[in-house]
Amino acid sequence: MIYLVVGILLIVIAVLCIKIFLLKRSIREIADDFADRTESDTNTLIDVSTADRDVVMLADKLNAGLRVLREEHLQYHQGNAELKASITNISHDLRTPLTAICGYLDMLEKTDDKEKQARYIGIMKERSGMMKQLTEDLFRYSMILSDEEEPETETVYVNMLLAECISGFYPALSERGIAPEICLSEKRIERSVNKAELTRVFTNLLNNAVKYSDGDLKITLTDDGEITFSNHAKGLSATTVEQLFDRFYTVQSAQNASGIGLSIVRALVERMHGSVSASYEDGCLSVRIVI
């Protein structure tokens, strides 16, 4: 009987030793794989050669952490590339008018012709205005991105606010020969939003239409609150339309554009928990907002 008990104990000990050996081997595999995955740029996850439930659970949790780490790593590199591109674009956009201002200052010093002096001063004012617009847009955009607090909201009568913004742009639209076609819902559309931010969205879109439109503009507000700005615009494509909301992106037809206006629109609409999209069909650019 004693020999039987001893035999069983030896078998149990042997099984436990094998179990411990396999667990230690699996842990070493996990440690080696984890070190390899964190040091190399690969999408391969940790794999284990054991069916032990706890070891498999450990590997699954480490794999979940690796997925998060890779996503953050990708976002970091994308953000770093975007930052470098942004700095390059800002430097170019500031340097171009500044170079022109310096050049016309030199020309101004070398002439006593009143007519030329007036023309040079006018050009310098225009270039300095471009720089002022860019810096103001950059400031607004940075403030929007850095403000993590929820904005103060109120019940806004969207129909009325949109109509007021359109009225304010009539002189600029008329100067471009644009007679806007306006189709606003007779239903009272109300949203709980920050009025100043929604006003900024409308004015940026109207300003965008003034710069890009080929001479037309249609603005609609449906019964369900969808707002659409549509106008014909040459020089665009489905590819370029996808980039319109990117920071500092401009097209050649834009005059004095900073490339931040639509980025501000997207940032503000997302703060309102809404969505904004753009499409381009048959030469017509349409920007749609749902709040």
C-alpha atoms as a PDB file:
ATOM      1  CA  MET A   1       0.000   0.000   0.000  1.00  0.00           C
ATOM      2  CA  ILE A   2       2.866   2.323   0.888  1.00  0.00           C
ATOM      3  CA  TYR A   3       4.557   1.593  -2.441  1.00  0.00           C
ATOM      4  CA  LEU A   4       1.326   2.425  -4.261  1.00  0.00           C
ATOM      5  CA  VAL A   5       1.006   5.789  -2.476  1.00  0.00           C
ATOM      6  CA  VAL A   6       4.677   6.582  -3.151  1.00  0.00           C
ATOM      7  CA  GLY A   7       4.228   5.660  -6.810  1.00  0.00           C
ATOM      8  CA  ILE A   8       1.203   7.932  -7.142  1.00  0.00           C
ATOM      9  CA  LEU A   9       3.085  10.789  -5.454  1.00  0.00           C
ATOM     10  CA  LEU A  10       6.031  10.314  -7.805  1.00  0.00           C
ATOM     11  CA  ILE A  11       3.697  10.409 -10.802  1.00  0.00           C
ATOM     12  CA  VAL A  12       2.015  13.579  -9.483  1.00  0.00           C
ATOM     13  CA  ILE A  13       5.397  15.190  -8.852  1.00  0.00           C
ATOM     14  CA  ALA A  14       6.548  14.254 -12.357  1.00  0.00           C
ATOM     15  CA  VAL A  15       3.379  15.716 -13.897  1.00  0.00           C
ATOM     16  CA  LEU A  16       3.770  18.906 -11.858  1.00  0.00           C
ATOM     17  CA  CYS A  17       7.429  19.208 -12.876  1.00  0.00           C
ATOM     18  CA  ILE A  18       6.469  18.846 -16.544  1.00  0.00           C
ATOM     19  CA  LYS A  19       3.675  21.391 -16.026  1.00  0.00           C
ATOM     20  CA  ILE A  20       6.066  23.850 -14.389  1.00  0.00           C
ATOM     21  CA  PHE A  21       8.616  23.289 -17.164  1.00  0.00           C
ATOM     22  CA  LEU A  22       6.019  23.976 -19.854  1.00  0.00           C
ATOM     23  CA  LEU A  23       4.744  27.069 -18.032  1.00  0.00           C
ATOM     24  CA  LYS A  24       8.280  28.442 -17.648  1.00  0.00           C
ATOM     25  CA  ARG A  25       8.923  27.789 -21.339  1.00  0.00           C
ATOM     26  CA  SER A  26       5.698  29.594 -22.284  1.00  0.00           C
ATOM     27  CA  ILE A  27       6.591  32.546 -20.041  1.00  0.00           C
ATOM     28  CA  ARG A  28      10.035  32.760 -21.675  1.00  0.00           C
ATOM     29  CA  GLU A  29       8.382  32.663 -25.096  1.00  0.00           C
ATOM     30  CA  ILE A  30       6.023  35.475 -24.082  1.00  0.00           C
ATOM     31  CA  ALA A  31       8.903  37.539 -22.663  1.00  0.00           C
ATOM     32  CA  ASP A  32      11.030  37.072 -25.809  1.00  0.00           C
ATOM     33  CA  ASP A  33       8.094  37.783 -28.143  1.00  0.00           C
ATOM     34  CA  PHE A  34       7.047  40.851 -26.171  1.00  0.00           C
ATOM     35  CA  ALA A  35      10.591  42.284 -26.297  1.00  0.00           C
ATOM     36  CA  ASP A  36      10.761  41.586 -30.031  1.00  0.00           C
ATOM     37  CA  ARG A  37       7.350  43.153 -30.762  1.00  0.00           C
ATOM     38  CA  THR A  38       8.108  46.344 -28.826  1.00  0.00           C
ATOM     39  CA  GLU A  39      11.518  46.811 -30.464  1.00  0.00           C
ATOM     40  CA  SER A  40      10.471  46.111 -34.056  1.00  0.00           C
ATOM     41  CA  ASP A  41       7.893  47.649 -36.386  1.00  0.00           C
ATOM     42  CA  THR A  42       5.637  44.660 -36.931  1.00  0.00           C
ATOM     43  CA  ASN A  43       1.948  43.832 -36.644  1.00  0.00           C
ATOM     44  CA  THR A  44       2.628  40.255 -35.479  1.00  0.00           C
ATOM     45  CA  LEU A  45       1.123  39.463 -32.082  1.00  0.00           C
ATOM     46  CA  ILE A  46       2.394  37.225 -29.290  1.00  0.00           C
ATOM     47  CA  ASP A  47       1.699  33.519 -29.782  1.00  0.00           C
ATOM     48  CA  VAL A  48       2.010  30.796 -27.132  1.00  0.00           C
ATOM     49  CA  SER A  49       2.545  27.055 -27.471  1.00  0.00           C
ATOM     50  CA  THR A  50       0.492  26.084 -24.428  1.00  0.00           C
ATOM     51  CA  ALA A  51      -3.214  25.700 -23.872  1.00  0.00           C
ATOM     52  CA  ASP A  52      -3.003  26.790 -20.246  1.00  0.00           C
ATOM     53  CA  ARG A  53      -5.901  29.173 -19.672  1.00  0.00           C
ATOM     54  CA  ASP A  54      -4.005  31.628 -17.475  1.00  0.00           C
ATOM     55  CA  VAL A  55      -1.030  31.822 -19.858  1.00  0.00           C
ATOM     56  CA  VAL A  56      -3.342  32.333 -22.826  1.00  0.00           C
ATOM     57  CA  MET A  57      -5.160  35.083 -20.893  1.00  0.00           C
ATOM     58  CA  LEU A  58      -1.816  36.761 -20.153  1.00  0.00           C
ATOM     59  CA  ALA A  59      -0.878  36.645 -23.845  1.00  0.00           C
ATOM     60  CA  ASP A  60      -4.267  38.082 -24.841  1.00  0.00           C
ATOM     61  CA  LYS A  61      -3.898  41.005 -22.435  1.00  0.00           C
ATOM     62  CA  LEU A  62      -0.373  41.719 -23.659  1.00  0.00           C
ATOM     63  CA  ASN A  63      -1.616  41.585 -27.260  1.00  0.00           C
ATOM     64  CA  ALA A  64      -4.370  44.069 -26.408  1.00  0.00           C
ATOM     65  CA  GLY A  65      -1.726  46.375 -24.929  1.00  0.00           C
ATOM     66  CA  LEU A  66       0.430  45.970 -28.051  1.00  0.00           C
ATOM     67  CA  ARG A  67      -2.481  46.976 -30.267  1.00  0.00           C
ATOM     68  CA  VAL A  68      -2.999  50.155 -28.249  1.00  0.00           C
ATOM     69  CA  LEU A  69       0.738  50.848 -28.279  1.00  0.00           C
ATOM     70  CA  ARG A  70       0.926  50.456 -32.054  1.00  0.00           C
ATOM     71  CA  GLU A  71      -2.061  52.702 -32.598  1.00  0.00           C
ATOM     72  CA  GLU A  72      -0.509  55.407 -30.415  1.00  0.00           C
ATOM     73  CA  HIS A  73       2.828  54.915 -32.158  1.00  0.00           C
ATOM     74  CA  LEU A  74       1.146  55.389 -35.548  1.00  0.00           C
ATOM     75  CA  GLN A  75      -0.711  58.467 -34.326  1.00  0.00           C
ATOM     76  CA  TYR A  76       2.561  59.889 -32.999  1.00  0.00           C
ATOM     77  CA  HIS A  77       4.315  59.467 -36.336  1.00  0.00           C
ATOM     78  CA  GLN A  78       1.343  60.844 -38.258  1.00  0.00           C
ATOM     79  CA  GLY A  79       1.141  63.793 -35.883  1.00  0.00           C
ATOM     80  CA  ASN A  80       4.882  64.395 -36.176  1.00  0.00           C
ATOM     81  CA  ALA A  81       4.699  64.341 -39.977  1.00  0.00           C
ATOM     82  CA  GLU A  82       1.676  66.642 -39.916  1.00  0.00           C
ATOM     83  CA  LEU A  83       3.469  69.018 -37.549  1.00  0.00           C
ATOM     84  CA  LYS A  84       6.490  69.209 -39.856  1.00  0.00           C
ATOM     85  CA  ALA A  85       4.223  69.843 -42.852  1.00  0.00           C
ATOM     86  CA  SER A  86       2.311  72.482 -40.886  1.00  0.00           C
ATOM     87  CA  ILE A  87       5.508  74.305 -39.905  1.00  0.00           C
ATOM     88  CA  THR A  88       6.664  74.231 -43.530  1.00  0.00           C
ATOM     89  CA  ASN A  89       3.341  75.595 -44.766  1.00  0.00           C
ATOM     90  CA  ILE A  90       3.171  78.291 -42.079  1.00  0.00           C
ATOM     91  CA  SER A  91       6.731  79.380 -42.862  1.00  0.00           C
ATOM     92  CA  HIS A  92       5.932  79.565 -46.575  1.00  0.00           C
ATOM     93  CA  ASP A  93       2.635  81.411 -46.061  1.00  0.00           C
ATOM     94  CA  LEU A  94       4.286  83.985 -43.797  1.00  0.00           C
ATOM     95  CA  ARG A  95       7.486  84.329 -45.817  1.00  0.00           C
ATOM     96  CA  THR A  96       5.753  84.974 -49.160  1.00  0.00           C
ATOM     97  CA  PRO A  97       3.885  88.178 -48.168  1.00  0.00           C
ATOM     98  CA  LEU A  98       6.766  89.268 -45.914  1.00  0.00           C
ATOM     99  CA  THR A  99       9.223  89.017 -48.809  1.00  0.00           C
ATOM    100  CA  ALA A 100       6.863  91.067 -50.966  1.00  0.00           C
ATOM    101  CA  ILE A 101       6.518  93.721 -48.251  1.00  0.00           C
ATOM    102  CA  CYS A 102      10.312  94.005 -47.900  1.00  0.00           C
ATOM    103  CA  GLY A 103      10.689  94.280 -51.661  1.00  0.00           C
ATOM    104  CA  TYR A 104       8.118  97.045 -51.995  1.00  0.00           C
ATOM    105  CA  LEU A 105       9.650  98.884 -49.023  1.00  0.00           C
ATOM    106  CA  ASP A 106      12.963  98.984 -50.907  1.00  0.00           C
ATOM    107  CA  MET A 107      11.186 100.208 -54.037  1.00  0.00           C
ATOM    108  CA  LEU A 108       9.319 102.815 -51.972  1.00  0.00           C
ATOM    109  CA  GLU A 109      12.576 104.231 -50.653  1.00  0.00           C
ATOM    110  CA  LYS A 110      13.952 104.600 -54.188  1.00  0.00           C
ATOM    111  CA  THR A 111      11.082 106.581 -55.734  1.00  0.00           C
ATOM    112  CA  ASP A 112       9.545 109.999 -55.232  1.00  0.00           C
ATOM    113  CA  ASP A 113       6.648 109.245 -57.582  1.00  0.00           C
ATOM    114  CA  LYS A 114       3.476 109.730 -55.511  1.00  0.00           C
ATOM    115  CA  GLU A 115       1.442 107.408 -57.710  1.00  0.00           C
ATOM    116  CA  LYS A 116       3.983 104.596 -57.385  1.00  0.00           C
ATOM    117  CA  GLN A 117       4.289 105.189 -53.656  1.00  0.00           C
ATOM    118  CA  ALA A 118       0.510 104.899 -53.234  1.00  0.00           C
ATOM    119  CA  ARG A 119       0.472 101.684 -55.286  1.00  0.00           C
ATOM    120  CA  TYR A 120       3.344 100.154 -53.305  1.00  0.00           C
ATOM    121  CA  ILE A 121       1.692 101.058 -50.005  1.00  0.00           C
ATOM    122  CA  GLY A 122      -1.578  99.513 -51.180  1.00  0.00           C
ATOM    123  CA  ILE A 123       0.174  96.269 -52.088  1.00  0.00           C
ATOM    124  CA  MET A 124       1.968  96.186 -48.737  1.00  0.00           C
ATOM    125  CA  LYS A 125      -1.342  96.688 -46.917  1.00  0.00           C
ATOM    126  CA  GLU A 126      -2.816  93.787 -48.860  1.00  0.00           C
ATOM    127  CA  ARG A 127       0.119  91.504 -48.018  1.00  0.00           C
ATOM    128  CA  SER A 128       0.088  92.499 -44.348  1.00  0.00           C
ATOM    129  CA  GLY A 129      -3.659  91.782 -44.300  1.00  0.00           C
ATOM    130  CA  MET A 130      -2.937  88.270 -45.565  1.00  0.00           C
ATOM    131  CA  MET A 131      -0.419  87.750 -42.757  1.00  0.00           C
ATOM    132  CA  LYS A 132      -2.888  89.076 -40.195  1.00  0.00           C
ATOM    133  CA  GLN A 133      -5.617  86.728 -41.450  1.00  0.00           C
ATOM    134  CA  LEU A 134      -3.276  83.737 -41.281  1.00  0.00           C
ATOM    135  CA  THR A 135      -2.113  84.490 -37.734  1.00  0.00           C
ATOM    136  CA  GLU A 136      -5.684  85.089 -36.546  1.00  0.00           C
ATOM    137  CA  ASP A 137      -6.857  81.820 -38.118  1.00  0.00           C
ATOM    138  CA  LEU A 138      -3.947  79.973 -36.521  1.00  0.00           C
ATOM    139  CA  PHE A 139      -4.785  81.479 -33.148  1.00  0.00           C
ATOM    140  CA  ARG A 140      -8.483  80.528 -33.408  1.00  0.00           C
ATOM    141  CA  TYR A 141      -7.648  77.009 -34.553  1.00  0.00           C
ATOM    142  CA  SER A 142      -5.125  76.428 -31.746  1.00  0.00           C
ATOM    143  CA  MET A 143      -7.623  77.754 -29.191  1.00  0.00           C
ATOM    144  CA  ILE A 144     -10.300  75.352 -30.444  1.00  0.00           C
ATOM    145  CA  LEU A 145      -7.969  72.339 -30.264  1.00  0.00           C
ATOM    146  CA  SER A 146      -6.549  73.240 -26.859  1.00  0.00           C
ATOM    147  CA  ASP A 147      -9.914  74.010 -25.226  1.00  0.00           C
ATOM    148  CA  GLU A 148     -11.003  70.770 -23.557  1.00  0.00           C
ATOM    149  CA  GLU A 149     -13.917  72.315 -21.691  1.00  0.00           C
ATOM    150  CA  GLU A 150     -17.425  71.937 -23.038  1.00  0.00           C
ATOM    151  CA  PRO A 151     -18.560  75.296 -24.508  1.00  0.00           C
ATOM    152  CA  GLU A 152     -21.546  77.123 -23.068  1.00  0.00           C
ATOM    153  CA  THR A 153     -24.660  76.259 -25.035  1.00  0.00           C
ATOM    154  CA  GLU A 154     -28.061  77.770 -25.617  1.00  0.00           C
ATOM    155  CA  THR A 155     -31.085  76.981 -27.751  1.00  0.00           C
ATOM    156  CA  VAL A 156     -30.314  78.466 -31.164  1.00  0.00           C
ATOM    157  CA  TYR A 157     -32.898  79.119 -33.883  1.00  0.00           C
ATOM    158  CA  VAL A 158     -30.792  77.749 -36.747  1.00  0.00           C
ATOM    159  CA  ASN A 159     -32.992  79.128 -39.549  1.00  0.00           C
ATOM    160  CA  MET A 160     -32.678  82.681 -38.263  1.00  0.00           C
ATOM    161  CA  LEU A 161     -28.937  82.471 -37.522  1.00  0.00           C
ATOM    162  CA  LEU A 162     -28.176  81.072 -40.986  1.00  0.00           C
ATOM    163  CA  ALA A 163     -30.287  83.772 -42.644  1.00  0.00           C
ATOM    164  CA  GLU A 164     -28.466  86.485 -40.674  1.00  0.00           C
ATOM    165  CA  CYS A 165     -25.058  85.118 -41.707  1.00  0.00           C
ATOM    166  CA  ILE A 166     -26.099  84.994 -45.368  1.00  0.00           C
ATOM    167  CA  SER A 167     -27.338  88.602 -45.185  1.00  0.00           C
ATOM    168  CA  GLY A 168     -23.974  89.690 -43.790  1.00  0.00           C
ATOM    169  CA  PHE A 169     -22.202  88.174 -46.801  1.00  0.00           C
ATOM    170  CA  TYR A 170     -24.443  89.698 -49.487  1.00  0.00           C
ATOM    171  CA  PRO A 171     -21.962  92.530 -50.294  1.00  0.00           C
ATOM    172  CA  ALA A 172     -19.067  90.068 -50.752  1.00  0.00           C
ATOM    173  CA  LEU A 173     -21.245  87.702 -52.794  1.00  0.00           C
ATOM    174  CA  SER A 174     -22.573  90.542 -54.962  1.00  0.00           C
ATOM    175  CA  GLU A 175     -19.034  91.734 -55.630  1.00  0.00           C
ATOM    176  CA  ARG A 176     -18.293  88.285 -57.059  1.00  0.00           C
ATOM    177  CA  GLY A 177     -21.533  88.343 -59.058  1.00  0.00           C
ATOM    178  CA  ILE A 178     -23.071  85.564 -56.971  1.00  0.00           C
ATOM    179  CA  ALA A 179     -26.822  85.594 -56.381  1.00  0.00           C
ATOM    180  CA  PRO A 180     -27.321  82.835 -53.783  1.00  0.00           C
ATOM    181  CA  GLU A 181     -30.236  80.432 -54.067  1.00  0.00           C
ATOM    182  CA  ILE A 182     -31.578  79.945 -50.554  1.00  0.00           C
ATOM    183  CA  CYS A 183     -33.918  77.119 -49.552  1.00  0.00           C
ATOM    184  CA  LEU A 184     -34.533  77.155 -45.811  1.00  0.00           C
ATOM    185  CA  SER A 185     -37.055  74.897 -44.124  1.00  0.00           C
ATOM    186  CA  GLU A 186     -40.196  76.601 -42.838  1.00  0.00           C
ATOM    187  CA  LYS A 187     -40.035  74.289 -39.864  1.00  0.00           C
ATOM    188  CA  ARG A 188     -38.347  75.896 -36.844  1.00  0.00           C
ATOM    189  CA  ILE A 189     -34.997  74.128 -36.480  1.00  0.00           C
ATOM    190  CA  GLU A 190     -33.519  74.476 -33.003  1.00  0.00           C
ATOM    191  CA  ARG A 191     -30.273  73.097 -31.629  1.00  0.00           C
ATOM    192  CA  SER A 192     -28.581  73.379 -28.249  1.00  0.00           C
ATOM    193  CA  VAL A 193     -25.156  74.688 -29.322  1.00  0.00           C
ATOM    194  CA  ASN A 194     -22.728  77.531 -28.766  1.00  0.00           C
ATOM    195  CA  LYS A 195     -24.125  80.356 -30.899  1.00  0.00           C
ATOM    196  CA  ALA A 196     -20.753  82.005 -31.567  1.00  0.00           C
ATOM    197  CA  GLU A 197     -19.237  78.715 -32.737  1.00  0.00           C
ATOM    198  CA  LEU A 198     -22.138  77.930 -35.062  1.00  0.00           C
ATOM    199  CA  THR A 199     -21.881  81.459 -36.455  1.00  0.00           C
ATOM    200  CA  ARG A 200     -18.194  80.837 -37.139  1.00  0.00           C
ATOM    201  CA  VAL A 201     -19.091  77.634 -39.006  1.00  0.00           C
ATOM    202  CA  PHE A 202     -21.564  79.452 -41.266  1.00  0.00           C
ATOM    203  CA  THR A 203     -19.275  82.425 -41.934  1.00  0.00           C
ATOM    204  CA  ASN A 204     -16.314  80.175 -42.773  1.00  0.00           C
ATOM    205  CA  LEU A 205     -18.429  78.214 -45.254  1.00  0.00           C
ATOM    206  CA  LEU A 206     -19.760  81.403 -46.825  1.00  0.00           C
ATOM    207  CA  ASN A 207     -16.235  82.797 -47.027  1.00  0.00           C
ATOM    208  CA  ASN A 208     -15.139  79.544 -48.640  1.00  0.00           C
ATOM    209  CA  ALA A 209     -17.905  79.897 -51.246  1.00  0.00           C
ATOM    210  CA  VAL A 210     -16.793  83.462 -52.040  1.00  0.00           C
ATOM    211  CA  LYS A 211     -13.253  82.224 -52.707  1.00  0.00           C
ATOM    212  CA  TYR A 212     -14.027  79.023 -54.603  1.00  0.00           C
ATOM    213  CA  SER A 213     -17.364  79.520 -56.340  1.00  0.00           C
ATOM    214  CA  ASP A 214     -17.540  79.872 -60.119  1.00  0.00           C
ATOM    215  CA  GLY A 215     -20.479  82.256 -59.751  1.00  0.00           C
ATOM    216  CA  ASP A 216     -23.241  80.356 -58.000  1.00  0.00           C
ATOM    217  CA  LEU A 217     -24.197  79.281 -54.491  1.00  0.00           C
ATOM    218  CA  LYS A 218     -27.076  77.225 -53.162  1.00  0.00           C
ATOM    219  CA  ILE A 219     -27.775  76.960 -49.440  1.00  0.00           C
ATOM    220  CA  THR A 220     -30.363  74.527 -48.105  1.00  0.00           C
ATOM    221  CA  LEU A 221     -31.657  73.702 -44.648  1.00  0.00           C
ATOM    222  CA  THR A 222     -33.884  70.624 -44.537  1.00  0.00           C
ATOM    223  CA  ASP A 223     -36.645  69.758 -42.068  1.00  0.00           C
ATOM    224  CA  ASP A 224     -34.310  67.349 -40.269  1.00  0.00           C
ATOM    225  CA  GLY A 225     -31.667  70.043 -39.814  1.00  0.00           C
ATOM    226  CA  GLU A 226     -29.164  69.073 -42.538  1.00  0.00           C
ATOM    227  CA  ILE A 227     -27.394  72.143 -43.939  1.00  0.00           C
ATOM    228  CA  THR A 228     -25.786  72.085 -47.394  1.00  0.00           C
ATOM    229  CA  PHE A 229     -23.622  74.678 -49.143  1.00  0.00           C
ATOM    230  CA  SER A 230     -23.249  73.903 -52.871  1.00  0.00           C
ATOM    231  CA  ASN A 231     -21.439  75.746 -55.648  1.00  0.00           C
ATOM    232  CA  HIS A 232     -19.675  74.966 -58.895  1.00  0.00           C
ATOM    233  CA  ALA A 233     -15.897  75.087 -58.583  1.00  0.00           C
ATOM    234  CA  LYS A 234     -13.334  74.350 -61.253  1.00  0.00           C
ATOM    235  CA  GLY A 235      -9.988  72.800 -60.478  1.00  0.00           C
ATOM    236  CA  LEU A 236     -11.291  70.317 -57.927  1.00  0.00           C
ATOM    237  CA  SER A 237     -11.545  66.540 -57.952  1.00  0.00           C
ATOM    238  CA  ALA A 238     -12.769  63.797 -55.654  1.00  0.00           C
ATOM    239  CA  THR A 239      -9.205  63.518 -54.315  1.00  0.00           C
ATOM    240  CA  THR A 240      -8.752  67.224 -53.586  1.00  0.00           C
ATOM    241  CA  VAL A 241     -12.182  67.440 -51.947  1.00  0.00           C
ATOM    242  CA  GLU A 242     -11.103  64.802 -49.417  1.00  0.00           C
ATOM    243  CA  GLN A 243      -8.213  67.122 -48.462  1.00  0.00           C
ATOM    244  CA  LEU A 244     -10.258  70.314 -48.076  1.00  0.00           C
ATOM    245  CA  PHE A 245     -10.649  69.779 -44.325  1.00  0.00           C
ATOM    246  CA  ASP A 246      -6.906  69.213 -43.836  1.00  0.00           C
ATOM    247  CA  ARG A 247      -4.980  72.019 -42.164  1.00  0.00           C
ATOM    248  CA  PHE A 248      -3.318  74.501 -44.549  1.00  0.00           C
ATOM    249  CA  TYR A 249      -4.656  72.765 -47.660  1.00  0.00           C
ATOM    250  CA  THR A 250      -5.605  75.227 -50.395  1.00  0.00           C
ATOM    251  CA  VAL A 251      -6.332  74.965 -54.088  1.00  0.00           C
ATOM    252  CA  GLN A 252      -4.902  77.228 -56.743  1.00  0.00           C
ATOM    253  CA  SER A 253      -8.210  79.013 -57.300  1.00  0.00           C
ATOM    254  CA  ALA A 254      -8.333  80.226 -53.685  1.00  0.00           C
ATOM    255  CA  GLN A 255      -7.391  83.856 -53.236  1.00  0.00           C
ATOM    256  CA  ASN A 256      -5.724  84.917 -49.960  1.00  0.00           C
ATOM    257  CA  ALA A 257      -6.698  81.602 -48.372  1.00  0.00           C
ATOM    258  CA  SER A 258      -4.950  80.380 -45.221  1.00  0.00           C
ATOM    259  CA  GLY A 259      -6.111  76.778 -45.615  1.00  0.00           C
ATOM    260  CA  ILE A 260      -7.504  76.676 -42.068  1.00  0.00           C
ATOM    261  CA  GLY A 261     -11.113  77.797 -42.601  1.00  0.00           C
ATOM    262  CA  LEU A 262     -12.599  74.370 -43.270  1.00  0.00           C
ATOM    263  CA  SER A 263     -10.385  72.777 -40.611  1.00  0.00           C
ATOM    264  CA  ILE A 264     -11.980  75.168 -38.120  1.00  0.00           C
ATOM    265  CA  VAL A 265     -15.418  74.178 -39.456  1.00  0.00           C
ATOM    266  CA  ARG A 266     -14.712  70.499 -38.875  1.00  0.00           C
ATOM    267  CA  ALA A 267     -13.268  71.081 -35.395  1.00  0.00           C
ATOM    268  CA  LEU A 268     -16.241  73.207 -34.313  1.00  0.00           C
ATOM    269  CA  VAL A 269     -18.870  70.862 -35.766  1.00  0.00           C
ATOM    270  CA  GLU A 270     -17.258  67.901 -34.005  1.00  0.00           C
ATOM    271  CA  ARG A 271     -17.313  69.892 -30.743  1.00  0.00           C
ATOM    272  CA  MET A 272     -21.071  70.174 -31.303  1.00  0.00           C
ATOM    273  CA  HIS A 273     -21.182  66.360 -31.684  1.00  0.00           C
ATOM    274  CA  GLY A 274     -22.139  66.795 -35.326  1.00  0.00           C
ATOM    275  CA  SER A 275     -20.647  65.710 -38.629  1.00  0.00           C
ATOM    276  CA  VAL A 276     -19.408  67.490 -41.738  1.00  0.00           C
ATOM    277  CA  SER A 277     -18.619  66.030 -45.159  1.00  0.00           C
ATOM    278  CA  ALA A 278     -17.873  67.183 -48.689  1.00  0.00           C
ATOM    279  CA  SER A 279     -18.558  65.750 -52.126  1.00  0.00           C
ATOM    280  CA  TYR A 280     -17.807  66.754 -55.704  1.00  0.00           C
ATOM    281  CA  GLU A 281     -20.096  65.734 -58.568  1.00  0.00           C
ATOM    282  CA  ASP A 282     -20.412  67.199 -62.058  1.00  0.00           C
ATOM    283  CA  GLY A 283     -18.191  70.127 -61.115  1.00  0.00           C
ATOM    284  CA  CYS A 284     -20.278  71.007 -58.053  1.00  0.00           C
ATOM    285  CA  LEU A 285     -18.782  71.124 -54.564  1.00  0.00           C
ATOM    286  CA  SER A 286     -21.190  70.361 -51.722  1.00  0.00           C
ATOM    287  CA  VAL A 287     -20.427  70.670 -48.016  1.00  0.00           C
ATOM    288  CA  ARG A 288     -23.010  69.078 -45.696  1.00  0.00           C
ATOM    289  CA  ILE A 289     -23.395  69.623 -41.968  1.00  0.00           C
ATOM    290  CA  VAL A 290     -25.530  67.677 -39.543  1.00  0.00           C
ATOM    291  CA  ILE A 291     -25.713  68.841 -35.934  1.00  0.00           C
END
